[in-house]
């Protein structure tokens, strides 16, 4: 059975994942405004991944009969004015999500909640990938320097990204 502490933390993580989606949506809009449709696409795909992450937690609560308690989602601030600054924010944000997932794992271990631990192992691996992607893009931006031609090529490359998660969350939400 899910302890109240774990249930509350999973509900909080749902909020964090939905905030992540909202942040990526805002960043996508910002990249679009800046004229980088490919980068906006990459960020929009990231939005869909974050919504999938939220719904996966939601489905876990539903499957074990725990109460889902949704909280308001904070407004994301996007003051970044360069593509490099956007991806620095992406990495910083993903590191924060990783810390949150690790704290939730620590709690589920302390509470001997094996089902939640099993679910969280997927998220631990996912966060390795999330941070790796951000680091790779930042490395490419560093290699490209300040030239617009390199940024143009990166924009084209990131525009090729396709969603790798289901966009219909019905099955995920059902637990």
Protein backbone atom coordinates (compact mmCIF):
# COMPACT_ATOMS: atom_id res chain seq x y z
CA UNK A 1 0.00 0.00 0.00
CA UNK A 2 1.15 3.48 -0.82
CA UNK A 3 1.98 5.62 2.21
CA UNK A 4 0.56 9.13 2.44
CA UNK A 5 4.11 10.54 2.25
CA UNK A 6 4.80 8.72 -1.03
CA UNK A 7 1.36 9.56 -2.46
CA UNK A 8 1.85 13.25 -1.63
CA UNK A 9 5.32 13.18 -3.20
CA UNK A 10 4.08 11.47 -6.36
CA UNK A 11 1.31 14.08 -6.64
CA UNK A 12 3.95 16.78 -6.25
CA UNK A 13 6.04 15.10 -8.95
CA UNK A 14 3.03 15.14 -11.29
CA UNK A 15 2.94 18.91 -10.77
CA UNK A 16 6.67 19.19 -11.46
CA UNK A 17 6.35 17.16 -14.66
CA UNK A 18 3.42 19.29 -15.82
CA UNK A 19 5.41 22.43 -15.02
CA UNK A 20 8.24 20.96 -17.09
CA UNK A 21 5.83 20.49 -19.99
CA UNK A 22 4.58 24.05 -19.57
CA UNK A 23 8.16 25.35 -19.46
CA UNK A 24 9.06 23.50 -22.68
CA UNK A 25 5.89 24.81 -24.32
CA UNK A 26 6.91 28.37 -23.36
CA UNK A 27 10.45 27.77 -24.64
CA UNK A 28 9.04 26.40 -27.90
CA UNK A 29 6.98 29.56 -28.32
CA UNK A 30 10.08 31.65 -27.58
CA UNK A 31 12.14 29.76 -30.18
CA UNK A 32 9.32 30.20 -32.69
CA UNK A 33 9.28 33.94 -31.99
CA UNK A 34 13.05 33.99 -32.54
CA UNK A 35 12.61 32.33 -35.95
CA UNK A 36 13.97 28.89 -35.05
CA UNK A 37 11.17 26.52 -36.09
CA UNK A 38 13.41 23.43 -35.84
CA UNK A 39 14.49 24.21 -32.30
CA UNK A 40 10.87 25.04 -31.46
CA UNK A 41 9.96 21.57 -32.75
CA UNK A 42 12.59 19.91 -30.52
CA UNK A 43 11.20 21.80 -27.52
CA UNK A 44 7.60 20.89 -28.46
CA UNK A 45 8.55 17.21 -28.61
CA UNK A 46 10.07 17.70 -25.16
CA UNK A 47 6.73 19.17 -24.02
CA UNK A 48 5.00 15.95 -25.12
CA UNK A 49 7.57 13.81 -23.29
CA UNK A 50 7.04 15.75 -20.06
CA UNK A 51 3.26 15.35 -20.33
CA UNK A 52 3.81 11.62 -20.83
CA UNK A 53 5.98 11.59 -17.68
CA UNK A 54 3.22 13.32 -15.70
CA UNK A 55 0.60 10.90 -16.98
CA UNK A 56 2.78 7.90 -16.17
CA UNK A 57 2.86 9.03 -12.53
CA UNK A 58 -0.89 9.73 -12.70
CA UNK A 59 -1.48 6.22 -14.04
CA UNK A 60 0.59 4.76 -11.20
CA UNK A 61 -1.60 6.45 -8.60
CA UNK A 62 -4.78 5.35 -10.37
CA UNK A 63 -3.54 1.75 -10.71
CA UNK A 64 -2.88 1.39 -7.00
CA UNK A 65 -6.05 3.21 -5.92
CA UNK A 66 -4.32 6.28 -4.50
CA UNK A 67 -5.87 9.73 -4.69
CA UNK A 68 -4.70 12.05 -7.45
CA UNK A 69 -4.41 15.58 -6.05
CA UNK A 70 -3.61 18.09 -8.77
CA UNK A 71 -2.14 21.46 -7.80
CA UNK A 72 -1.91 24.72 -9.79
CA UNK A 73 0.91 24.86 -12.30
CA UNK A 74 3.24 27.84 -11.92
CA UNK A 75 3.79 30.19 -14.83
CA UNK A 76 7.17 29.49 -16.46
CA UNK A 77 9.42 32.48 -16.91
CA UNK A 78 11.39 32.51 -20.15
CA UNK A 79 13.72 35.49 -20.11
CA UNK A 80 16.38 33.76 -22.23
CA UNK A 81 17.34 35.72 -25.34
CA UNK A 82 19.63 33.22 -27.08
CA UNK A 83 19.37 29.60 -28.12
CA UNK A 84 22.41 28.80 -25.97
CA UNK A 85 20.69 30.37 -22.92
CA UNK A 86 17.56 28.33 -23.61
CA UNK A 87 19.52 25.08 -23.62
CA UNK A 88 21.51 26.10 -20.53
CA UNK A 89 18.11 26.50 -18.86
CA UNK A 90 17.04 23.10 -20.22
CA UNK A 91 20.07 21.45 -18.59
CA UNK A 92 19.61 23.32 -15.31
CA UNK A 93 15.93 22.37 -15.25
CA UNK A 94 16.58 18.70 -16.02
CA UNK A 95 19.17 18.52 -13.23
CA UNK A 96 16.47 19.78 -10.86
CA UNK A 97 14.04 17.13 -12.10
CA UNK A 98 16.72 14.47 -11.63
CA UNK A 99 17.23 15.58 -8.02
CA UNK A 100 13.47 15.41 -7.46
CA UNK A 101 13.24 11.89 -8.92
CA UNK A 102 16.17 10.78 -6.74
CA UNK A 103 14.50 12.24 -3.63
CA UNK A 104 11.31 10.39 -4.49
CA UNK A 105 13.31 7.18 -4.95
CA UNK A 106 14.97 7.71 -1.55
CA UNK A 107 11.54 8.17 0.03
CA UNK A 108 10.08 5.09 -1.65
CA UNK A 109 13.06 3.04 -0.43
CA UNK A 110 12.62 4.36 3.11
CA UNK A 111 8.89 3.57 2.97
CA UNK A 112 9.57 0.11 1.45
CA UNK A 113 7.29 0.98 -1.47
CA UNK A 114 8.54 -1.51 -4.03
CA UNK A 115 5.97 -0.69 -6.72
CA UNK A 116 6.94 2.97 -6.74
CA UNK A 117 10.64 2.05 -6.71
CA UNK A 118 10.06 -0.07 -9.79
CA UNK A 119 8.30 2.81 -11.54
CA UNK A 120 11.04 5.25 -10.54
CA UNK A 121 13.80 3.11 -12.05
CA UNK A 122 12.37 4.02 -15.47
CA UNK A 123 12.50 7.72 -14.53
CA UNK A 124 16.08 7.45 -13.26
CA UNK A 125 17.14 6.08 -16.65
CA UNK A 126 15.03 8.68 -18.45
CA UNK A 127 16.72 11.52 -16.58
CA UNK A 128 20.15 10.25 -17.61
CA UNK A 129 18.94 10.55 -21.21
CA UNK A 130 17.36 13.98 -20.64
CA UNK A 131 20.57 15.46 -19.23
CA UNK A 132 22.70 13.75 -21.90
CA UNK A 133 20.58 15.32 -24.67
CA UNK A 134 20.91 18.80 -23.19
CA UNK A 135 24.68 18.41 -22.73
CA UNK A 136 25.09 17.22 -26.32
CA UNK A 137 23.17 20.20 -27.69
CA UNK A 138 25.18 22.61 -25.52
CA UNK A 139 28.41 20.95 -26.69
CA UNK A 140 27.31 21.40 -30.30
CA UNK A 141 26.48 25.04 -29.62
CA UNK A 142 29.95 25.53 -28.13
CA UNK A 143 31.59 23.86 -31.15
CA UNK A 144 29.54 26.01 -33.52
CA UNK A 145 30.64 29.23 -31.87
CA UNK A 146 28.67 32.39 -32.51
CA UNK A 147 28.23 31.85 -36.25
CA UNK A 148 24.70 31.94 -37.60
CA UNK A 149 25.47 29.23 -40.17
CA UNK A 150 26.08 26.66 -37.44
CA UNK A 151 22.95 27.68 -35.59
CA UNK A 152 21.05 27.40 -38.86
CA UNK A 153 22.28 23.82 -39.28
CA UNK A 154 21.48 22.93 -35.66
CA UNK A 155 17.99 24.35 -36.19
CA UNK A 156 17.52 22.03 -39.17
CA UNK A 157 18.86 19.01 -37.26
CA UNK A 158 16.70 19.58 -34.17
CA UNK A 159 13.69 20.08 -36.43
CA UNK A 160 13.91 16.40 -37.40
CA UNK A 161 13.05 15.18 -33.91
CA UNK A 162 9.83 13.17 -33.66
CA UNK A 163 7.84 12.23 -30.58
CA UNK A 164 8.92 8.87 -29.15
CA UNK A 165 6.11 8.66 -26.61
CA UNK A 166 2.39 8.13 -27.21
CA UNK A 167 0.58 11.42 -27.75
CA UNK A 168 -2.72 9.89 -26.63
CA UNK A 169 -2.37 9.46 -22.87
CA UNK A 170 -5.62 7.54 -22.38
CA UNK A 171 -3.96 4.16 -21.81
CA UNK A 172 -1.21 5.67 -19.65
CA UNK A 173 -3.75 7.51 -17.47
CA UNK A 174 -5.78 4.33 -16.91
CA UNK A 175 -2.85 2.83 -15.06
